[in-house]
């Protein structure tokens, strides 16, 4: 009986490891760049599926490797889609001349990073929700994240339990 329990335990453990290696990603957010939506220390469950070029929509929260720091993982919000012109001006963000929703941002945005950004095909432009305290596309040498660098789509804040909720 003990052997059978051990085998079941190992089987479940193997399944969980495979799921988190191939299907899901668990990430702990270390900074305040997404504060208001995701707080430092929150554990986020992400899906490794639905991150192809046709699957990404504006405002999705993604985990990716930034071009300037390929050994790191960042979590930010997609603001600019392939081929768009993003304008950051006077605390507002525009995509091809249309003002974007900023209801999820953490307070008014300062003017740091104001500029015009032309997103190349196959790339994305990312901003943190805490725009006054976010190292994002506005400040990188290589401003745009290639689709190949996308790792997962954030789906659920899983911990702390007081913050459980869908993203």
Protein backbone atom coordinates (compact mmCIF):
# COMPACT_ATOMS: atom_id res chain seq x y z
CA UNK A 1 0.00 0.00 0.00
CA UNK A 2 2.85 2.42 0.82
CA UNK A 3 4.46 1.68 -2.54
CA UNK A 4 1.22 2.45 -4.40
CA UNK A 5 0.85 5.78 -2.59
CA UNK A 6 4.44 6.68 -3.45
CA UNK A 7 3.87 5.83 -7.12
CA UNK A 8 0.73 8.01 -7.22
CA UNK A 9 2.62 10.85 -5.52
CA UNK A 10 5.49 10.63 -8.04
CA UNK A 11 3.05 10.43 -10.99
CA UNK A 12 1.19 13.54 -9.82
CA UNK A 13 4.48 15.36 -9.26
CA UNK A 14 5.69 14.46 -12.77
CA UNK A 15 2.42 15.68 -14.30
CA UNK A 16 2.60 18.98 -12.40
CA UNK A 17 6.23 19.51 -13.46
CA UNK A 18 5.40 18.79 -17.10
CA UNK A 19 2.40 21.14 -16.99
CA UNK A 20 4.47 23.99 -15.56
CA UNK A 21 7.31 23.32 -17.99
CA UNK A 22 5.17 23.10 -21.13
CA UNK A 23 1.75 24.66 -20.51
CA UNK A 24 1.91 27.07 -17.56
CA UNK A 25 4.45 29.43 -16.06
CA UNK A 26 4.47 30.62 -12.46
CA UNK A 27 6.20 33.94 -11.94
CA UNK A 28 6.73 36.14 -8.90
CA UNK A 29 6.66 39.84 -9.73
CA UNK A 30 9.69 41.55 -8.13
CA UNK A 31 9.11 45.24 -8.95
CA UNK A 32 6.47 47.96 -8.82
CA UNK A 33 6.31 48.44 -12.60
CA UNK A 34 2.81 46.89 -12.78
CA UNK A 35 1.60 48.26 -9.42
CA UNK A 36 -2.12 48.86 -9.38
CA UNK A 37 -2.67 45.67 -11.37
CA UNK A 38 0.05 43.34 -10.09
CA UNK A 39 1.87 44.22 -6.88
CA UNK A 40 5.45 43.30 -5.97
CA UNK A 41 5.52 39.79 -4.52
CA UNK A 42 2.35 38.65 -6.31
CA UNK A 43 2.53 35.13 -7.76
CA UNK A 44 1.07 35.07 -11.27
CA UNK A 45 0.03 31.99 -13.24
CA UNK A 46 0.64 32.44 -16.95
CA UNK A 47 -0.22 30.39 -20.03
CA UNK A 48 2.50 29.47 -22.52
CA UNK A 49 -0.22 29.13 -25.19
CA UNK A 50 -2.04 31.93 -26.97
CA UNK A 51 1.11 33.97 -27.56
CA UNK A 52 1.39 33.64 -31.33
CA UNK A 53 1.30 36.81 -33.43
CA UNK A 54 -2.42 36.41 -34.18
CA UNK A 55 -3.24 35.82 -30.50
CA UNK A 56 -1.78 38.97 -28.94
CA UNK A 57 -4.16 41.86 -28.34
CA UNK A 58 -3.56 45.34 -27.03
CA UNK A 59 -3.67 45.44 -23.20
CA UNK A 60 -2.65 41.77 -22.77
CA UNK A 61 -0.19 41.33 -19.91
CA UNK A 62 2.73 39.21 -21.10
CA UNK A 63 5.94 37.69 -19.77
CA UNK A 64 8.85 38.16 -22.19
CA UNK A 65 12.59 38.59 -22.46
CA UNK A 66 13.44 42.23 -23.20
CA UNK A 67 15.86 42.71 -26.11
CA UNK A 68 18.34 44.68 -23.96
CA UNK A 69 18.42 42.01 -21.20
CA UNK A 70 17.77 38.58 -22.79
CA UNK A 71 18.72 36.74 -19.58
CA UNK A 72 15.80 38.35 -17.67
CA UNK A 73 12.02 37.99 -17.73
CA UNK A 74 9.77 41.05 -17.62
CA UNK A 75 6.02 41.31 -17.19
CA UNK A 76 4.32 44.32 -18.83
CA UNK A 77 1.25 45.33 -20.79
CA UNK A 78 1.14 45.29 -24.61
CA UNK A 79 0.42 48.79 -25.83
CA UNK A 80 1.79 48.82 -29.37
CA UNK A 81 1.04 46.16 -31.97
CA UNK A 82 3.08 45.34 -35.08
CA UNK A 83 3.05 48.14 -37.65
CA UNK A 84 1.52 50.79 -35.36
CA UNK A 85 2.84 54.22 -34.51
CA UNK A 86 2.69 54.84 -30.76
CA UNK A 87 2.86 58.40 -29.48
CA UNK A 88 3.50 59.06 -25.79
CA UNK A 89 2.77 62.72 -25.13
CA UNK A 90 1.68 64.81 -22.13
CA UNK A 91 0.84 61.77 -20.00
CA UNK A 92 -1.28 60.10 -22.69
CA UNK A 93 -0.63 57.26 -25.13
CA UNK A 94 -1.94 57.11 -28.69
CA UNK A 95 -1.89 54.28 -31.26
CA UNK A 96 -2.18 55.52 -34.84
CA UNK A 97 -3.74 58.74 -33.56
CA UNK A 98 -6.32 57.13 -31.24
CA UNK A 99 -5.98 57.78 -27.49
CA UNK A 100 -5.62 54.52 -25.58
CA UNK A 101 -7.36 53.44 -22.40
CA UNK A 102 -5.34 54.24 -19.30
CA UNK A 103 -7.91 53.19 -16.68
CA UNK A 104 -5.59 50.44 -15.40
CA UNK A 105 -2.58 52.72 -14.88
CA UNK A 106 -1.35 53.65 -11.44
CA UNK A 107 -1.99 57.40 -11.40
CA UNK A 108 -1.24 60.15 -13.92
CA UNK A 109 1.75 59.57 -16.17
CA UNK A 110 4.66 62.03 -16.13
CA UNK A 111 6.37 63.15 -19.35
CA UNK A 112 9.43 60.88 -19.11
CA UNK A 113 9.60 58.78 -22.22
CA UNK A 114 7.47 61.08 -24.35
CA UNK A 115 8.13 60.33 -28.00
CA UNK A 116 7.03 58.71 -31.22
CA UNK A 117 7.62 54.95 -31.56
CA UNK A 118 7.10 53.07 -34.82
CA UNK A 119 6.57 49.39 -33.98
CA UNK A 120 8.15 47.13 -36.61
CA UNK A 121 6.25 44.16 -38.02
CA UNK A 122 6.65 41.11 -35.79
CA UNK A 123 7.37 43.26 -32.72
CA UNK A 124 5.49 44.75 -29.76
CA UNK A 125 5.74 47.88 -27.61
CA UNK A 126 5.28 47.40 -23.84
CA UNK A 127 4.51 49.73 -20.95
CA UNK A 128 4.17 49.05 -17.23
CA UNK A 129 0.91 50.03 -15.53
CA UNK A 130 2.93 52.07 -13.02
CA UNK A 131 4.29 54.21 -15.83
CA UNK A 132 6.20 56.61 -13.58
CA UNK A 133 8.17 53.69 -12.13
CA UNK A 134 8.58 51.26 -15.02
CA UNK A 135 11.61 50.26 -17.08
CA UNK A 136 9.72 49.61 -20.31
CA UNK A 137 9.94 50.08 -24.10
CA UNK A 138 10.26 53.86 -23.76
CA UNK A 139 13.64 53.53 -22.07
CA UNK A 140 15.32 50.54 -23.73
CA UNK A 141 17.98 50.86 -26.42
CA UNK A 142 16.08 48.25 -28.45
CA UNK A 143 12.54 49.56 -27.95
CA UNK A 144 10.53 46.73 -29.49
CA UNK A 145 10.12 43.14 -28.35
CA UNK A 146 10.23 40.53 -31.13
CA UNK A 147 7.41 37.97 -31.13
CA UNK A 148 10.04 35.25 -30.57
CA UNK A 149 10.80 36.77 -27.14
CA UNK A 150 7.24 36.31 -25.84
CA UNK A 151 7.10 33.57 -23.20
CA UNK A 152 3.61 33.55 -21.66
CA UNK A 153 0.35 35.45 -21.15
CA UNK A 154 -0.49 36.40 -17.55
CA UNK A 155 -3.85 34.92 -16.58
CA UNK A 156 -4.31 34.83 -12.81
CA UNK A 157 -2.90 36.35 -9.63
CA UNK A 158 -2.67 33.23 -7.45
CA UNK A 159 -1.01 34.60 -4.31
CA UNK A 160 -1.39 36.28 -1.90
CA UNK A 161 -4.84 34.86 -1.45
CA UNK A 162 -6.28 38.33 -0.74
CA UNK A 163 -5.34 39.31 -4.32
CA UNK A 164 -6.56 36.22 -6.21
CA UNK A 165 -8.14 37.27 -9.48
CA UNK A 166 -8.09 37.03 -13.25
CA UNK A 167 -6.00 39.44 -15.29
